[in-house]
Amino acid sequence: MERKQYEVVIKLISNQSPCHVGHKIGQEWVFNYFTPPAMCGLAYNAIYPAALALSVGGTFPWQEDPDVLTLSCPDYEVNNVFELRRRPVK
């Protein structure tokens, strides 16, 4: 059986105060196993397991859309919320 591969786009969709690294709402990065340029390593470390799962077809049953997941960075002062959205690789 052929395994589907997906591209996962990471997008900052909200925060409760300005990010210490300077991320702005609307910024996007593409998941590719390495920390994207100019992305906070701590946030990426928190996102990595979920992005990897989405990239190989994993789902999260508590999400309404199996192709979209939201999660937060570990910085409680900022609380950046990221949307991970996958799309099939052509």
PDB file of N, CA and C in Angstrom:
ATOM      1  N   MET A   1       0.836  -1.181   0.000  1.00  0.00           N
ATOM      2  CA  MET A   1       0.000   0.000   0.000  1.00  0.00           C
ATOM      3  C   MET A   1       0.883   1.248   0.000  1.00  0.00           C
ATOM      4  N   GLU A   2       0.570   2.163  -0.894  1.00  0.00           N
ATOM      5  CA  GLU A   2       1.340   3.390  -1.001  1.00  0.00           C
ATOM      6  C   GLU A   2       0.926   4.366   0.091  1.00  0.00           C
ATOM      7  N   ARG A   3       1.915   4.916   0.771  1.00  0.00           N
ATOM      8  CA  ARG A   3       1.645   5.883   1.832  1.00  0.00           C
ATOM      9  C   ARG A   3       1.505   7.271   1.234  1.00  0.00           C
ATOM     10  N   LYS A   4       0.467   7.990   1.630  1.00  0.00           N
ATOM     11  CA  LYS A   4       0.273   9.359   1.160  1.00  0.00           C
ATOM     12  C   LYS A   4       1.231  10.283   1.879  1.00  0.00           C
ATOM     13  N   GLN A   5       1.717  11.255   1.158  1.00  0.00           N
ATOM     14  CA  GLN A   5       2.569  12.285   1.743  1.00  0.00           C
ATOM     15  C   GLN A   5       1.846  13.618   1.627  1.00  0.00           C
ATOM     16  N   TYR A   6       2.003  14.435   2.630  1.00  0.00           N
ATOM     17  CA  TYR A   6       1.364  15.737   2.665  1.00  0.00           C
ATOM     18  C   TYR A   6       2.386  16.826   2.951  1.00  0.00           C
ATOM     19  N   GLU A   7       2.123  18.008   2.412  1.00  0.00           N
ATOM     20  CA  GLU A   7       2.867  19.195   2.801  1.00  0.00           C
ATOM     21  C   GLU A   7       2.102  19.811   3.961  1.00  0.00           C
ATOM     22  N   VAL A   8       2.805  20.235   4.989  1.00  0.00           N
ATOM     23  CA  VAL A   8       2.159  20.853   6.148  1.00  0.00           C
ATOM     24  C   VAL A   8       2.624  22.308   6.244  1.00  0.00           C
ATOM     25  N   VAL A   9       1.655  23.203   6.223  1.00  0.00           N
ATOM     26  CA  VAL A   9       1.927  24.633   6.348  1.00  0.00           C
ATOM     27  C   VAL A   9       1.593  25.052   7.774  1.00  0.00           C
ATOM     28  N   ILE A  10       2.536  25.704   8.408  1.00  0.00           N
ATOM     29  CA  ILE A  10       2.397  26.197   9.777  1.00  0.00           C
ATOM     30  C   ILE A  10       2.116  27.694   9.696  1.00  0.00           C
ATOM     31  N   LYS A  11       1.036  28.139  10.334  1.00  0.00           N
ATOM     32  CA  LYS A  11       0.667  29.556  10.280  1.00  0.00           C
ATOM     33  C   LYS A  11       0.347  30.057  11.681  1.00  0.00           C
ATOM     34  N   LEU A  12       0.926  31.198  12.046  1.00  0.00           N
ATOM     35  CA  LEU A  12       0.597  31.834  13.324  1.00  0.00           C
ATOM     36  C   LEU A  12      -0.753  32.520  13.174  1.00  0.00           C
ATOM     37  N   ILE A  13      -1.735  32.078  13.983  1.00  0.00           N
ATOM     38  CA  ILE A  13      -3.089  32.631  13.834  1.00  0.00           C
ATOM     39  C   ILE A  13      -3.520  33.527  14.987  1.00  0.00           C
ATOM     40  N   SER A  14      -2.854  33.456  16.137  1.00  0.00           N
ATOM     41  CA  SER A  14      -3.196  34.377  17.227  1.00  0.00           C
ATOM     42  C   SER A  14      -2.133  34.313  18.320  1.00  0.00           C
ATOM     43  N   ASN A  15      -2.166  35.325  19.178  1.00  0.00           N
ATOM     44  CA  ASN A  15      -1.344  35.334  20.396  1.00  0.00           C
ATOM     45  C   ASN A  15      -1.960  36.316  21.376  1.00  0.00           C
ATOM     46  N   GLN A  16      -1.558  36.201  22.634  1.00  0.00           N
ATOM     47  CA  GLN A  16      -2.138  37.094  23.642  1.00  0.00           C
ATOM     48  C   GLN A  16      -1.272  38.307  23.925  1.00  0.00           C
ATOM     49  N   SER A  17      -0.015  38.289  23.488  1.00  0.00           N
ATOM     50  CA  SER A  17       0.865  39.451  23.607  1.00  0.00           C
ATOM     51  C   SER A  17       1.973  39.304  22.573  1.00  0.00           C
ATOM     52  N   PRO A  18       2.727  40.374  22.302  1.00  0.00           N
ATOM     53  CA  PRO A  18       3.768  40.282  21.273  1.00  0.00           C
ATOM     54  C   PRO A  18       4.769  39.149  21.557  1.00  0.00           C
ATOM     55  N   CYS A  19       5.124  38.438  20.518  1.00  0.00           N
ATOM     56  CA  CYS A  19       6.053  37.320  20.611  1.00  0.00           C
ATOM     57  C   CYS A  19       7.463  37.830  20.915  1.00  0.00           C
ATOM     58  N   HIS A  20       8.172  37.136  21.794  1.00  0.00           N
ATOM     59  CA  HIS A  20       9.546  37.521  22.153  1.00  0.00           C
ATOM     60  C   HIS A  20      10.501  37.377  20.973  1.00  0.00           C
ATOM     61  N   VAL A  21      10.180  36.496  20.040  1.00  0.00           N
ATOM     62  CA  VAL A  21      11.030  36.280  18.869  1.00  0.00           C
ATOM     63  C   VAL A  21      10.638  37.228  17.733  1.00  0.00           C
ATOM     64  N   GLY A  22       9.471  37.820  17.831  1.00  0.00           N
ATOM     65  CA  GLY A  22       9.026  38.774  16.826  1.00  0.00           C
ATOM     66  C   GLY A  22       8.074  38.211  15.799  1.00  0.00           C
ATOM     67  N   HIS A  23       7.563  36.994  16.012  1.00  0.00           N
ATOM     68  CA  HIS A  23       6.591  36.440  15.065  1.00  0.00           C
ATOM     69  C   HIS A  23       5.339  37.312  15.024  1.00  0.00           C
ATOM     70  N   LYS A  24       4.785  37.442  13.839  1.00  0.00           N
ATOM     71  CA  LYS A  24       3.579  38.234  13.616  1.00  0.00           C
ATOM     72  C   LYS A  24       2.446  37.332  13.141  1.00  0.00           C
ATOM     73  N   ILE A  25       1.237  37.634  13.550  1.00  0.00           N
ATOM     74  CA  ILE A  25       0.074  36.875  13.105  1.00  0.00           C
ATOM     75  C   ILE A  25       0.027  36.899  11.579  1.00  0.00           C
ATOM     76  N   GLY A  26      -0.194  35.733  11.007  1.00  0.00           N
ATOM     77  CA  GLY A  26      -0.228  35.582   9.555  1.00  0.00           C
ATOM     78  C   GLY A  26       1.045  34.998   8.968  1.00  0.00           C
ATOM     79  N   GLN A  27       2.150  35.001   9.725  1.00  0.00           N
ATOM     80  CA  GLN A  27       3.389  34.404   9.221  1.00  0.00           C
ATOM     81  C   GLN A  27       3.185  32.923   8.958  1.00  0.00           C
ATOM     82  N   GLU A  28       3.830  32.411   7.909  1.00  0.00           N
ATOM     83  CA  GLU A  28       3.715  31.006   7.550  1.00  0.00           C
ATOM     84  C   GLU A  28       5.088  30.395   7.305  1.00  0.00           C
ATOM     85  N   TRP A  29       5.175  29.098   7.583  1.00  0.00           N
ATOM     86  CA  TRP A  29       6.357  28.298   7.326  1.00  0.00           C
ATOM     87  C   TRP A  29       5.898  26.945   6.806  1.00  0.00           C
ATOM     88  N   VAL A  30       6.757  26.271   6.057  1.00  0.00           N
ATOM     89  CA  VAL A  30       6.448  24.923   5.576  1.00  0.00           C
ATOM     90  C   VAL A  30       7.278  23.933   6.378  1.00  0.00           C
ATOM     91  N   PHE A  31       6.623  22.897   6.885  1.00  0.00           N
ATOM     92  CA  PHE A  31       7.293  21.846   7.648  1.00  0.00           C
ATOM     93  C   PHE A  31       8.182  21.033   6.714  1.00  0.00           C
ATOM     94  N   ASN A  32       9.458  20.865   7.100  1.00  0.00           N
ATOM     95  CA  ASN A  32      10.368  20.032   6.312  1.00  0.00           C
ATOM     96  C   ASN A  32      11.405  19.333   7.187  1.00  0.00           C
ATOM     97  N   TYR A  33      11.061  18.989   8.393  1.00  0.00           N
ATOM     98  CA  TYR A  33      11.888  18.264   9.360  1.00  0.00           C
ATOM     99  C   TYR A  33      12.910  19.133  10.074  1.00  0.00           C
ATOM    100  N   PHE A  34      13.337  20.239   9.493  1.00  0.00           N
ATOM    101  CA  PHE A  34      14.289  21.131  10.142  1.00  0.00           C
ATOM    102  C   PHE A  34      13.584  22.432  10.500  1.00  0.00           C
ATOM    103  N   THR A  35      14.037  23.088  11.541  1.00  0.00           N
ATOM    104  CA  THR A  35      13.429  24.345  11.940  1.00  0.00           C
ATOM    105  C   THR A  35      13.506  25.336  10.786  1.00  0.00           C
ATOM    106  N   PRO A  36      12.363  25.853  10.331  1.00  0.00           N
ATOM    107  CA  PRO A  36      12.376  26.816   9.226  1.00  0.00           C
ATOM    108  C   PRO A  36      13.155  28.074   9.610  1.00  0.00           C
ATOM    109  N   PRO A  37      13.788  28.715   8.626  1.00  0.00           N
ATOM    110  CA  PRO A  37      14.502  29.961   8.912  1.00  0.00           C
ATOM    111  C   PRO A  37      13.578  30.971   9.584  1.00  0.00           C
ATOM    112  N   ALA A  38      14.101  31.643  10.576  1.00  0.00           N
ATOM    113  CA  ALA A  38      13.413  32.707  11.308  1.00  0.00           C
ATOM    114  C   ALA A  38      12.239  32.218  12.148  1.00  0.00           C
ATOM    115  N   MET A  39      12.135  30.913  12.401  1.00  0.00           N
ATOM    116  CA  MET A  39      11.076  30.415  13.287  1.00  0.00           C
ATOM    117  C   MET A  39      11.688  30.045  14.636  1.00  0.00           C
ATOM    118  N   CYS A  40      10.987  30.383  15.685  1.00  0.00           N
ATOM    119  CA  CYS A  40      11.430  30.082  17.043  1.00  0.00           C
ATOM    120  C   CYS A  40      11.635  28.575  17.211  1.00  0.00           C
ATOM    121  N   GLY A  41      12.799  28.188  17.672  1.00  0.00           N
ATOM    122  CA  GLY A  41      13.098  26.776  17.874  1.00  0.00           C
ATOM    123  C   GLY A  41      12.243  26.130  18.940  1.00  0.00           C
ATOM    124  N   LEU A  42      11.889  26.868  19.977  1.00  0.00           N
ATOM    125  CA  LEU A  42      11.044  26.305  21.037  1.00  0.00           C
ATOM    126  C   LEU A  42       9.631  26.030  20.529  1.00  0.00           C
ATOM    127  N   ALA A  43       9.075  26.961  19.760  1.00  0.00           N
ATOM    128  CA  ALA A  43       7.747  26.731  19.184  1.00  0.00           C
ATOM    129  C   ALA A  43       7.804  25.553  18.216  1.00  0.00           C
ATOM    130  N   TYR A  44       8.847  25.511  17.389  1.00  0.00           N
ATOM    131  CA  TYR A  44       8.961  24.418  16.419  1.00  0.00           C
ATOM    132  C   TYR A  44       9.098  23.072  17.120  1.00  0.00           C
ATOM    133  N   ASN A  45       9.820  23.050  18.213  1.00  0.00           N
ATOM    134  CA  ASN A  45       9.963  21.814  18.987  1.00  0.00           C
ATOM    135  C   ASN A  45       8.606  21.306  19.475  1.00  0.00           C
ATOM    136  N   ALA A  46       7.722  22.215  19.860  1.00  0.00           N
ATOM    137  CA  ALA A  46       6.385  21.828  20.318  1.00  0.00           C
ATOM    138  C   ALA A  46       5.503  21.383  19.156  1.00  0.00           C
ATOM    139  N   ILE A  47       5.694  21.975  17.993  1.00  0.00           N
ATOM    140  CA  ILE A  47       4.882  21.693  16.809  1.00  0.00           C
ATOM    141  C   ILE A  47       5.329  20.430  16.085  1.00  0.00           C
ATOM    142  N   TYR A  48       6.609  20.142  16.128  1.00  0.00           N
ATOM    143  CA  TYR A  48       7.218  19.089  15.318  1.00  0.00           C
ATOM    144  C   TYR A  48       6.472  17.743  15.349  1.00  0.00           C
ATOM    145  N   PRO A  49       6.167  17.155  16.510  1.00  0.00           N
ATOM    146  CA  PRO A  49       5.511  15.834  16.496  1.00  0.00           C
ATOM    147  C   PRO A  49       4.171  15.839  15.762  1.00  0.00           C
ATOM    148  N   ALA A  50       3.377  16.889  15.952  1.00  0.00           N
ATOM    149  CA  ALA A  50       2.073  16.958  15.288  1.00  0.00           C
ATOM    150  C   ALA A  50       2.239  17.183  13.792  1.00  0.00           C
ATOM    151  N   ALA A  51       3.173  18.030  13.404  1.00  0.00           N
ATOM    152  CA  ALA A  51       3.407  18.282  11.977  1.00  0.00           C
ATOM    153  C   ALA A  51       3.896  17.011  11.281  1.00  0.00           C
ATOM    154  N   LEU A  52       4.759  16.272  11.947  1.00  0.00           N
ATOM    155  CA  LEU A  52       5.241  15.017  11.376  1.00  0.00           C
ATOM    156  C   LEU A  52       4.091  14.036  11.191  1.00  0.00           C
ATOM    157  N   ALA A  53       3.233  13.911  12.193  1.00  0.00           N
ATOM    158  CA  ALA A  53       2.079  13.011  12.092  1.00  0.00           C
ATOM    159  C   ALA A  53       1.169  13.426  10.935  1.00  0.00           C
ATOM    160  N   LEU A  54       0.868  14.711  10.824  1.00  0.00           N
ATOM    161  CA  LEU A  54       0.020  15.179   9.726  1.00  0.00           C
ATOM    162  C   LEU A  54       0.661  14.904   8.369  1.00  0.00           C
ATOM    163  N   SER A  55       1.979  15.036   8.285  1.00  0.00           N
ATOM    164  CA  SER A  55       2.665  14.873   6.996  1.00  0.00           C
ATOM    165  C   SER A  55       2.604  13.452   6.454  1.00  0.00           C
ATOM    166  N   VAL A  56       2.339  12.492   7.316  1.00  0.00           N
ATOM    167  CA  VAL A  56       2.269  11.092   6.867  1.00  0.00           C
ATOM    168  C   VAL A  56       0.856  10.514   6.993  1.00  0.00           C
ATOM    169  N   GLY A  57      -0.137  11.393   7.175  1.00  0.00           N
ATOM    170  CA  GLY A  57      -1.520  10.941   7.172  1.00  0.00           C
ATOM    171  C   GLY A  57      -2.168  10.766   8.524  1.00  0.00           C
ATOM    172  N   GLY A  58      -1.469  11.099   9.600  1.00  0.00           N
ATOM    173  CA  GLY A  58      -2.049  10.972  10.933  1.00  0.00           C
ATOM    174  C   GLY A  58      -3.205  11.941  11.131  1.00  0.00           C
ATOM    175  N   THR A  59      -4.092  11.581  12.042  1.00  0.00           N
ATOM    176  CA  THR A  59      -5.224  12.446  12.357  1.00  0.00           C
ATOM    177  C   THR A  59      -5.319  12.625  13.867  1.00  0.00           C
ATOM    178  N   PHE A  60      -6.059  13.646  14.253  1.00  0.00           N
ATOM    179  CA  PHE A  60      -6.283  13.961  15.654  1.00  0.00           C
ATOM    180  C   PHE A  60      -7.795  13.989  15.846  1.00  0.00           C
ATOM    181  N   PRO A  61      -8.362  12.982  16.491  1.00  0.00           N
ATOM    182  CA  PRO A  61      -9.817  12.812  16.519  1.00  0.00           C
ATOM    183  C   PRO A  61     -10.594  13.962  17.149  1.00  0.00           C
ATOM    184  N   TRP A  62      -9.971  14.790  17.939  1.00  0.00           N
ATOM    185  CA  TRP A  62     -10.682  15.898  18.568  1.00  0.00           C
ATOM    186  C   TRP A  62     -10.810  17.101  17.623  1.00  0.00           C
ATOM    187  N   GLN A  63     -10.141  17.072  16.487  1.00  0.00           N
ATOM    188  CA  GLN A  63     -10.239  18.152  15.517  1.00  0.00           C
ATOM    189  C   GLN A  63     -11.397  17.891  14.561  1.00  0.00           C
ATOM    190  N   GLU A  64     -12.172  18.910  14.232  1.00  0.00           N
ATOM    191  CA  GLU A  64     -13.289  18.757  13.295  1.00  0.00           C
ATOM    192  C   GLU A  64     -12.802  18.405  11.896  1.00  0.00           C
ATOM    193  N   ASP A  65     -11.735  19.048  11.447  1.00  0.00           N
ATOM    194  CA  ASP A  65     -11.188  18.829  10.109  1.00  0.00           C
ATOM    195  C   ASP A  65      -9.908  18.007  10.257  1.00  0.00           C
ATOM    196  N   PRO A  66      -9.833  16.819   9.669  1.00  0.00           N
ATOM    197  CA  PRO A  66      -8.637  15.986   9.832  1.00  0.00           C
ATOM    198  C   PRO A  66      -7.377  16.582   9.197  1.00  0.00           C
ATOM    199  N   ASP A  67      -7.538  17.607   8.367  1.00  0.00           N
ATOM    200  CA  ASP A  67      -6.395  18.227   7.709  1.00  0.00           C
ATOM    201  C   ASP A  67      -5.902  19.486   8.411  1.00  0.00           C
ATOM    202  N   VAL A  68      -6.519  19.836   9.540  1.00  0.00           N
ATOM    203  CA  VAL A  68      -6.153  21.061  10.256  1.00  0.00           C
ATOM    204  C   VAL A  68      -6.020  20.769  11.747  1.00  0.00           C
ATOM    205  N   LEU A  69      -4.964  21.303  12.344  1.00  0.00           N
ATOM    206  CA  LEU A  69      -4.738  21.152  13.774  1.00  0.00           C
ATOM    207  C   LEU A  69      -4.278  22.494  14.318  1.00  0.00           C
ATOM    208  N   THR A  70      -4.752  22.895  15.482  1.00  0.00           N
ATOM    209  CA  THR A  70      -4.249  24.100  16.133  1.00  0.00           C
ATOM    210  C   THR A  70      -3.569  23.700  17.428  1.00  0.00           C
ATOM    211  N   LEU A  71      -2.454  24.377  17.709  1.00  0.00           N
ATOM    212  CA  LEU A  71      -1.748  24.161  18.969  1.00  0.00           C
ATOM    213  C   LEU A  71      -0.937  25.377  19.324  1.00  0.00           C
ATOM    214  N   SER A  72      -0.468  25.407  20.559  1.00  0.00           N
ATOM    215  CA  SER A  72       0.215  26.585  21.093  1.00  0.00           C
ATOM    216  C   SER A  72       1.682  26.330  21.339  1.00  0.00           C
ATOM    217  N   CYS A  73       2.447  27.405  21.301  1.00  0.00           N
ATOM    218  CA  CYS A  73       3.845  27.322  21.704  1.00  0.00           C
ATOM    219  C   CYS A  73       3.897  27.243  23.234  1.00  0.00           C
ATOM    220  N   PRO A  74       5.023  26.836  23.802  1.00  0.00           N
ATOM    221  CA  PRO A  74       5.095  26.670  25.257  1.00  0.00           C
ATOM    222  C   PRO A  74       5.301  27.961  26.052  1.00  0.00           C
ATOM    223  N   ASP A  75       5.458  29.099  25.379  1.00  0.00           N
ATOM    224  CA  ASP A  75       5.679  30.357  26.093  1.00  0.00           C
ATOM    225  C   ASP A  75       4.349  30.889  26.618  1.00  0.00           C
ATOM    226  N   TYR A  76       4.090  30.692  27.897  1.00  0.00           N
ATOM    227  CA  TYR A  76       2.802  31.068  28.495  1.00  0.00           C
ATOM    228  C   TYR A  76       2.556  32.577  28.472  1.00  0.00           C
ATOM    229  N   GLU A  77       3.606  33.388  28.405  1.00  0.00           N
ATOM    230  CA  GLU A  77       3.420  34.835  28.381  1.00  0.00           C
ATOM    231  C   GLU A  77       2.885  35.320  27.037  1.00  0.00           C
ATOM    232  N   VAL A  78       3.217  34.611  25.987  1.00  0.00           N
ATOM    233  CA  VAL A  78       2.836  35.016  24.631  1.00  0.00           C
ATOM    234  C   VAL A  78       1.650  34.199  24.129  1.00  0.00           C
ATOM    235  N   ASN A  79       1.718  32.893  24.349  1.00  0.00           N
ATOM    236  CA  ASN A  79       0.680  31.956  23.914  1.00  0.00           C
ATOM    237  C   ASN A  79       0.385  32.069  22.418  1.00  0.00           C
ATOM    238  N   ASN A  80       1.455  31.943  21.602  1.00  0.00           N
ATOM    239  CA  ASN A  80       1.258  31.892  20.160  1.00  0.00           C
ATOM    240  C   ASN A  80       0.436  30.664  19.816  1.00  0.00           C
ATOM    241  N   VAL A  81      -0.576  30.843  18.987  1.00  0.00           N
ATOM    242  CA  VAL A  81      -1.395  29.723  18.531  1.00  0.00           C
ATOM    243  C   VAL A  81      -1.121  29.534  17.048  1.00  0.00           C
ATOM    244  N   PHE A  82      -0.750  28.312  16.699  1.00  0.00           N
ATOM    245  CA  PHE A  82      -0.406  27.980  15.327  1.00  0.00           C
ATOM    246  C   PHE A  82      -1.458  27.058  14.730  1.00  0.00           C
ATOM    247  N   GLU A  83      -1.720  27.255  13.451  1.00  0.00           N
ATOM    248  CA  GLU A  83      -2.571  26.350  12.688  1.00  0.00           C
ATOM    249  C   GLU A  83      -1.656  25.526  11.791  1.00  0.00           C
ATOM    250  N   LEU A  84      -1.815  24.215  11.846  1.00  0.00           N
ATOM    251  CA  LEU A  84      -1.100  23.320  10.950  1.00  0.00           C
ATOM    252  C   LEU A  84      -2.129  22.809   9.949  1.00  0.00           C
ATOM    253  N   ARG A  85      -1.869  23.051   8.689  1.00  0.00           N
ATOM    254  CA  ARG A  85      -2.802  22.649   7.641  1.00  0.00           C
ATOM    255  C   ARG A  85      -2.036  21.816   6.625  1.00  0.00           C
ATOM    256  N   ARG A  86      -2.575  20.643   6.319  1.00  0.00           N
ATOM    257  CA  ARG A  86      -1.888  19.792   5.352  1.00  0.00           C
ATOM    258  C   ARG A  86      -2.644  19.754   4.032  1.00  0.00           C
ATOM    259  N   ARG A  87      -1.853  19.526   2.981  1.00  0.00           N
ATOM    260  CA  ARG A  87      -2.411  19.328   1.646  1.00  0.00           C
ATOM    261  C   ARG A  87      -1.589  18.264   0.942  1.00  0.00           C
ATOM    262  N   PRO A  88      -2.240  17.453   0.095  1.00  0.00           N
ATOM    263  CA  PRO A  88      -1.515  16.372  -0.572  1.00  0.00           C
ATOM    264  C   PRO A  88      -0.355  16.897  -1.421  1.00  0.00           C
ATOM    265  N   VAL A  89       0.749  16.168  -1.414  1.00  0.00           N
ATOM    266  CA  VAL A  89       1.893  16.476  -2.272  1.00  0.00           C
ATOM    267  C   VAL A  89       1.586  15.889  -3.635  1.00  0.00           C
ATOM    268  N   LYS A  90       1.774  16.668  -4.653  1.00  0.00           N
ATOM    269  CA  LYS A  90       1.462  16.202  -6.011  1.00  0.00           C
ATOM    270  C   LYS A  90       2.656  15.595  -6.680  1.00  0.00           C
TER     271      LYS A  90
END
